[in-house]
Amino acid sequence: MTDDDAVPGLPDAVPGPADLRASDADRERVSEVLRDALAEGRLDMVEFEERLDQTYKARTYGELAPITRDLPAAGAVPPSPVVSLRKEPVEEGSWAGRIVGGEGSSTWAVAVLSGFQRKGRWTVPRRFNCFAFCGGGEIDLREADFTAGEVVINCVAIMGGVQITVPPGVEVDVRGIGVMGGFDQGDTGVREDPDAPRVVVTGFAFWGGVGVERKKTRAARRQEKLDRKAAMREARSNFRDEIHGAHQRMLDSHKDLLRGIGHGHGHGHGHGNEVREERPERRYE
């Protein structure tokens, strides 16, 4: 019997060819491997019953070997897979779930005496080109997905303008050139979130401009507003509890004071009853 014919659960030093007769103890060790595999989910009930039936019908090691060849021995730790067998959940709202790769859903936009918008749930390509002539464009990245960790937005604005809105945490690098126009660099800066993408803004503006602003989404602002209201409610509740506690302590103190005064009056009255005024006797002659 070769190494490939070794039976999990049986001694490694078993000599002899594959047609060597198996004992009841050998069959029981193989059945133990099958029971462990069933408990671990490696076999379903149908497979378990079929293999168990083959185990008790087996007469030689050659007949036992195929039954557990694809199963680890009892108590053995199987090797870890090279690739994870389960996908780790991506945290909701994290940048890891928004850098999706692939191609962008829109790669260019043009506004001539008109306007264009790219906003909401859309996928930013590695390079987005836009042109505005006597018109304007709006590029909103707050709810967008990204094909890469760094994207380029190339803007050409002639007597027009393009407004780019980015969410907090994103690094913005403005490299555009303005002639009688300009590129706003007020919201440039380093990445606050290391997992966030980097946005490079390039292009040319003539009698026009390209602006960049950093703003939270409406949902985020709404959540902040709700959080502030909840904090104010909690603060008011705590203040009411403190006022009520202080008032209750004042009442208790007042009651204790009244009880002390009442006790003092009662003691003095009793003492006065015990003392009798001695008057001199009058004698009548």
Protein backbone atom coordinates (compact mmCIF):
# COMPACT_ATOMS: atom_id res chain seq x y z
CA MET A 1 0.00 0.00 0.00
CA THR A 2 1.50 3.33 -1.05
CA ASP A 3 1.43 6.63 0.86
CA ASP A 4 -1.56 7.71 -1.24
CA ASP A 5 -3.44 4.67 0.03
CA ALA A 6 -2.93 5.64 3.70
CA VAL A 7 -6.19 5.61 5.61
CA PRO A 8 -6.85 8.59 7.92
CA GLY A 9 -7.46 7.32 11.41
CA LEU A 10 -5.35 4.17 10.94
CA PRO A 11 -1.78 3.66 12.16
CA ASP A 12 0.86 4.92 9.69
CA ALA A 13 3.00 1.86 10.29
CA VAL A 14 0.48 -0.66 8.98
CA PRO A 15 2.46 -3.02 6.74
CA GLY A 16 1.36 -5.05 3.78
CA PRO A 17 -0.34 -4.52 0.42
CA ALA A 18 -3.76 -2.99 -0.18
CA ASP A 19 -5.48 -6.39 0.05
CA LEU A 20 -4.38 -6.89 3.67
CA ARG A 21 -7.45 -7.76 5.77
CA ALA A 22 -8.83 -4.94 7.95
CA SER A 23 -9.97 -5.46 11.53
CA ASP A 24 -13.10 -4.22 13.30
CA ALA A 25 -10.95 -1.63 15.11
CA ASP A 26 -9.73 -0.33 11.72
CA ARG A 27 -13.30 0.05 10.49
CA GLU A 28 -14.28 1.82 13.71
CA ARG A 29 -11.45 4.35 13.32
CA VAL A 30 -12.61 5.11 9.75
CA SER A 31 -16.21 5.55 10.97
CA GLU A 32 -14.91 8.01 13.58
CA VAL A 33 -13.34 10.10 10.79
CA LEU A 34 -16.68 10.04 8.96
CA ARG A 35 -18.59 11.18 12.06
CA ASP A 36 -16.17 14.08 12.56
CA ALA A 37 -16.58 15.07 8.90
CA LEU A 38 -20.37 15.01 9.29
CA ALA A 39 -20.22 17.20 12.40
CA GLU A 40 -17.92 19.70 10.64
CA GLY A 41 -20.15 19.89 7.56
CA ARG A 42 -17.67 18.20 5.22
CA LEU A 43 -20.24 15.50 4.47
CA ASP A 44 -24.00 15.68 4.28
CA MET A 45 -26.16 12.96 5.78
CA VAL A 46 -26.58 11.05 2.51
CA GLU A 47 -22.82 10.92 1.87
CA PHE A 48 -22.17 9.97 5.47
CA GLU A 49 -24.59 7.04 5.35
CA GLU A 50 -23.21 5.81 2.02
CA ARG A 51 -19.59 5.92 3.22
CA LEU A 52 -20.44 4.40 6.58
CA ASP A 53 -22.16 1.50 4.82
CA GLN A 54 -19.06 1.02 2.64
CA THR A 55 -16.87 1.10 5.76
CA TYR A 56 -18.64 -1.76 7.50
CA LYS A 57 -18.72 -3.79 4.27
CA ALA A 58 -14.99 -3.27 3.61
CA ARG A 59 -12.78 -6.30 4.12
CA THR A 60 -9.33 -4.92 3.18
CA TYR A 61 -7.29 -1.74 3.56
CA GLY A 62 -7.63 -1.21 -0.18
CA GLU A 63 -11.40 -0.95 0.24
CA LEU A 64 -11.13 1.38 3.25
CA ALA A 65 -8.63 3.82 1.74
CA PRO A 66 -10.95 5.54 -0.83
CA ILE A 67 -13.63 6.16 1.79
CA THR A 68 -11.66 8.83 3.70
CA ARG A 69 -9.02 9.83 1.16
CA ASP A 70 -10.51 13.36 0.77
CA LEU A 71 -11.03 13.85 4.52
CA PRO A 72 -8.59 14.94 7.27
CA ALA A 73 -7.75 12.40 9.95
CA ALA A 74 -9.54 12.61 13.28
CA GLY A 75 -8.14 15.53 15.29
CA ALA A 76 -5.97 16.77 12.42
CA VAL A 77 -5.98 20.45 11.43
CA PRO A 78 -6.50 20.86 7.65
CA PRO A 79 -4.20 23.32 5.83
CA SER A 80 -5.47 26.86 5.45
CA PRO A 81 -6.71 27.69 1.94
CA VAL A 82 -4.57 30.04 -0.15
CA VAL A 83 -7.64 32.09 -1.07
CA SER A 84 -10.22 32.97 1.57
CA LEU A 85 -13.38 30.91 1.15
CA ARG A 86 -15.58 33.74 2.40
CA LYS A 87 -15.80 37.38 1.47
CA GLU A 88 -15.32 39.76 4.34
CA PRO A 89 -18.19 42.26 4.62
CA VAL A 90 -17.30 45.81 3.66
CA GLU A 91 -18.16 48.36 6.26
CA GLU A 92 -21.10 50.45 5.17
CA GLY A 93 -20.04 53.90 4.00
CA SER A 94 -16.33 52.98 3.89
CA TRP A 95 -14.09 53.96 0.98
CA ALA A 96 -13.07 50.32 0.49
CA GLY A 97 -16.53 49.65 -0.91
CA ARG A 98 -16.51 52.70 -3.21
CA ILE A 99 -13.28 52.08 -5.15
CA VAL A 100 -14.74 49.52 -7.53
CA GLY A 101 -12.33 49.41 -10.49
CA GLY A 102 -13.56 48.79 -14.01
CA GLU A 103 -14.69 51.58 -16.34
CA GLY A 104 -16.44 54.80 -15.43
CA SER A 105 -20.14 55.25 -16.07
CA SER A 106 -19.36 58.62 -17.75
CA THR A 107 -16.04 59.79 -19.16
CA TRP A 108 -16.83 63.25 -20.61
CA ALA A 109 -19.33 66.11 -20.60
CA VAL A 110 -19.89 69.21 -22.75
CA ALA A 111 -21.85 72.39 -22.07
CA VAL A 112 -22.16 74.97 -24.88
CA LEU A 113 -24.57 77.76 -23.96
CA SER A 114 -26.05 75.23 -21.56
CA GLY A 115 -25.02 73.09 -18.63
CA PHE A 116 -24.25 69.56 -17.51
CA GLN A 117 -24.39 67.62 -14.25
CA ARG A 118 -22.73 64.52 -12.90
CA LYS A 119 -24.07 63.80 -9.45
CA GLY A 120 -25.61 61.09 -7.28
CA ARG A 121 -24.54 57.46 -7.70
CA TRP A 122 -22.18 57.38 -10.66
CA THR A 123 -18.73 55.90 -11.28
CA VAL A 124 -15.83 58.31 -11.79
CA PRO A 125 -13.39 57.07 -14.45
CA ARG A 126 -9.63 57.33 -14.15
CA ARG A 127 -9.83 60.45 -16.34
CA PHE A 128 -12.91 62.61 -16.83
CA ASN A 129 -12.84 65.38 -19.48
CA CYS A 130 -15.31 68.25 -19.56
CA PHE A 131 -15.74 71.41 -21.64
CA ALA A 132 -17.88 74.45 -20.84
CA PHE A 133 -18.36 77.36 -23.30
CA CYS A 134 -20.67 80.13 -22.17
CA GLY A 135 -22.21 77.56 -19.89
CA GLY A 136 -21.61 75.70 -16.69
CA GLY A 137 -21.11 72.25 -15.29
CA GLU A 138 -21.56 70.56 -11.91
CA ILE A 139 -19.49 67.55 -10.89
CA ASP A 140 -20.55 66.10 -7.53
CA LEU A 141 -18.36 63.30 -6.12
CA ARG A 142 -19.98 62.96 -2.70
CA GLU A 143 -22.02 59.84 -3.52
CA ALA A 144 -19.91 58.59 -6.44
CA ASP A 145 -17.90 55.40 -6.78
CA PHE A 146 -14.34 55.50 -8.14
CA THR A 147 -12.56 53.25 -10.60
CA ALA A 148 -9.18 53.89 -8.95
CA GLY A 149 -7.55 55.39 -5.89
CA GLU A 150 -6.51 58.42 -8.00
CA VAL A 151 -8.67 60.04 -10.66
CA VAL A 152 -8.09 63.05 -12.92
CA ILE A 153 -10.76 65.62 -13.80
CA ASN A 154 -9.68 67.73 -16.75
CA CYS A 155 -11.72 70.92 -17.17
CA VAL A 156 -11.69 73.48 -20.01
CA ALA A 157 -13.85 76.50 -19.24
CA ILE A 158 -14.17 79.40 -21.71
CA MET A 159 -16.47 82.17 -20.52
CA GLY A 160 -18.05 79.52 -18.38
CA GLY A 161 -17.44 77.59 -15.22
CA VAL A 162 -17.28 74.16 -13.64
CA GLN A 163 -18.04 73.48 -9.98
CA ILE A 164 -16.56 70.33 -8.38
CA THR A 165 -17.89 69.11 -5.03
CA VAL A 166 -15.89 66.55 -3.04
CA PRO A 167 -16.70 64.84 0.26
CA PRO A 168 -14.60 65.28 3.42
CA GLY A 169 -11.47 63.13 3.65
CA VAL A 170 -10.62 63.28 -0.06
CA GLU A 171 -7.34 64.86 -1.13
CA VAL A 172 -7.66 67.41 -3.95
CA ASP A 173 -4.70 68.50 -6.08
CA VAL A 174 -5.49 71.49 -8.35
CA ARG A 175 -3.07 71.98 -11.26
CA GLY A 176 -5.12 74.02 -13.74
CA ILE A 177 -4.08 77.24 -15.48
CA GLY A 178 -6.26 80.34 -15.59
CA VAL A 179 -6.04 83.25 -18.06
CA MET A 180 -8.36 86.08 -17.01
CA GLY A 181 -9.97 83.32 -15.04
CA GLY A 182 -8.91 80.98 -12.32
CA PHE A 183 -8.83 77.63 -10.58
CA ASP A 184 -9.99 77.66 -6.99
CA GLN A 185 -7.47 76.02 -4.67
CA GLY A 186 -9.19 76.81 -1.38
CA ASP A 187 -10.20 73.22 -0.63
CA THR A 188 -7.00 71.43 -1.58
CA GLY A 189 -5.12 69.44 1.01
CA VAL A 190 -3.87 66.06 2.14
CA ARG A 191 -6.06 63.02 2.58
CA GLU A 192 -7.73 62.89 5.98
CA ASP A 193 -8.75 59.29 5.35
CA PRO A 194 -5.92 57.03 4.04
CA ASP A 195 -8.45 54.84 2.21
CA ALA A 196 -10.07 57.77 0.40
CA PRO A 197 -9.26 58.47 -3.25
CA ARG A 198 -7.17 61.35 -4.57
CA VAL A 199 -8.68 63.79 -7.05
CA VAL A 200 -6.41 65.73 -9.43
CA VAL A 201 -8.04 68.74 -11.13
CA THR A 202 -6.31 69.98 -14.30
CA GLY A 203 -7.24 72.06 -17.31
CA PHE A 204 -7.54 75.60 -18.62
CA ALA A 205 -9.86 78.50 -17.82
CA PHE A 206 -10.23 81.61 -20.01
CA TRP A 207 -12.63 84.26 -18.80
CA GLY A 208 -14.08 81.52 -16.67
CA GLY A 209 -13.33 79.49 -13.61
CA VAL A 210 -13.18 76.06 -12.01
CA GLY A 211 -14.14 75.88 -8.36
CA VAL A 212 -13.67 73.14 -5.79
CA GLU A 213 -15.69 72.91 -2.60
CA ARG A 214 -15.74 70.32 0.16
CA LYS A 215 -19.18 69.48 1.45
CA LYS A 216 -20.92 66.63 3.23
CA THR A 217 -23.86 64.80 1.70
CA ARG A 218 -27.40 65.75 2.61
CA ALA A 219 -27.80 62.45 4.42
CA ALA A 220 -24.68 63.13 6.51
CA ARG A 221 -25.84 66.64 7.35
CA ARG A 222 -29.29 65.34 8.23
CA GLN A 223 -27.75 62.70 10.50
CA GLU A 224 -25.60 65.34 12.21
CA LYS A 225 -28.70 67.43 12.79
CA LEU A 226 -30.51 64.44 14.31
CA ASP A 227 -27.48 63.70 16.50
CA ARG A 228 -27.41 67.31 17.73
CA LYS A 229 -31.12 67.19 18.54
CA ALA A 230 -30.66 63.91 20.42
CA ALA A 231 -27.75 65.39 22.37
CA MET A 232 -29.83 68.47 23.26
CA ARG A 233 -32.73 66.28 24.41
CA GLU A 234 -30.37 64.26 26.58
CA ALA A 235 -28.84 67.44 28.03
CA ARG A 236 -32.30 68.85 28.84
CA SER A 237 -33.31 65.56 30.43
CA ASN A 238 -30.16 65.52 32.56
CA PHE A 239 -30.76 69.15 33.58
CA ARG A 240 -34.34 68.36 34.62
CA ASP A 241 -33.09 65.40 36.63
CA GLU A 242 -30.52 67.59 38.38
CA ILE A 243 -33.11 70.29 39.16
CA HIS A 244 -35.55 67.68 40.47
CA GLY A 245 -32.82 66.12 42.62
CA ALA A 246 -31.79 69.51 44.04
CA HIS A 247 -35.44 70.39 44.79
CA GLN A 248 -36.00 67.04 46.48
CA ARG A 249 -32.88 67.50 48.60
CA MET A 250 -34.08 70.96 49.61
CA LEU A 251 -37.48 69.59 50.65
CA ASP A 252 -35.85 66.81 52.65
CA SER A 253 -33.62 69.32 54.40
CA HIS A 254 -36.61 71.52 55.20
CA LYS A 255 -38.52 68.57 56.64
CA ASP A 256 -35.56 67.62 58.79
CA LEU A 257 -35.38 71.20 60.08
CA LEU A 258 -39.10 71.24 60.96
CA ARG A 259 -38.82 67.92 62.76
CA GLY A 260 -35.88 69.26 64.77
CA ILE A 261 -37.81 72.40 65.79
CA GLY A 262 -40.90 70.39 66.76
CA HIS A 263 -38.82 68.06 68.91
CA GLY A 264 -37.26 71.03 70.75
CA HIS A 265 -40.64 72.61 71.60
CA GLY A 266 -42.05 69.35 72.90
CA HIS A 267 -39.09 68.81 75.24
CA GLY A 268 -39.32 72.32 76.69
CA HIS A 269 -43.06 72.01 77.39
CA GLY A 270 -42.61 68.78 79.28
CA HIS A 271 -39.89 70.25 81.48
CA GLY A 272 -42.10 73.19 82.37
CA ASN A 273 -44.76 70.84 83.70
CA GLU A 274 -42.30 69.27 86.09
CA VAL A 275 -41.08 72.54 87.64
CA ARG A 276 -43.39 74.16 90.19
CA GLU A 277 -43.03 77.64 91.38
CA GLU A 278 -42.62 77.83 95.16
CA ARG A 279 -44.52 80.70 96.75
CA PRO A 280 -44.16 81.83 100.40
CA GLU A 281 -47.04 80.89 102.73
CA ARG A 282 -49.21 83.74 104.00
CA ARG A 283 -49.97 83.93 107.66
CA TYR A 284 -53.12 85.66 108.95
CA GLU A 285 -52.97 87.13 112.33
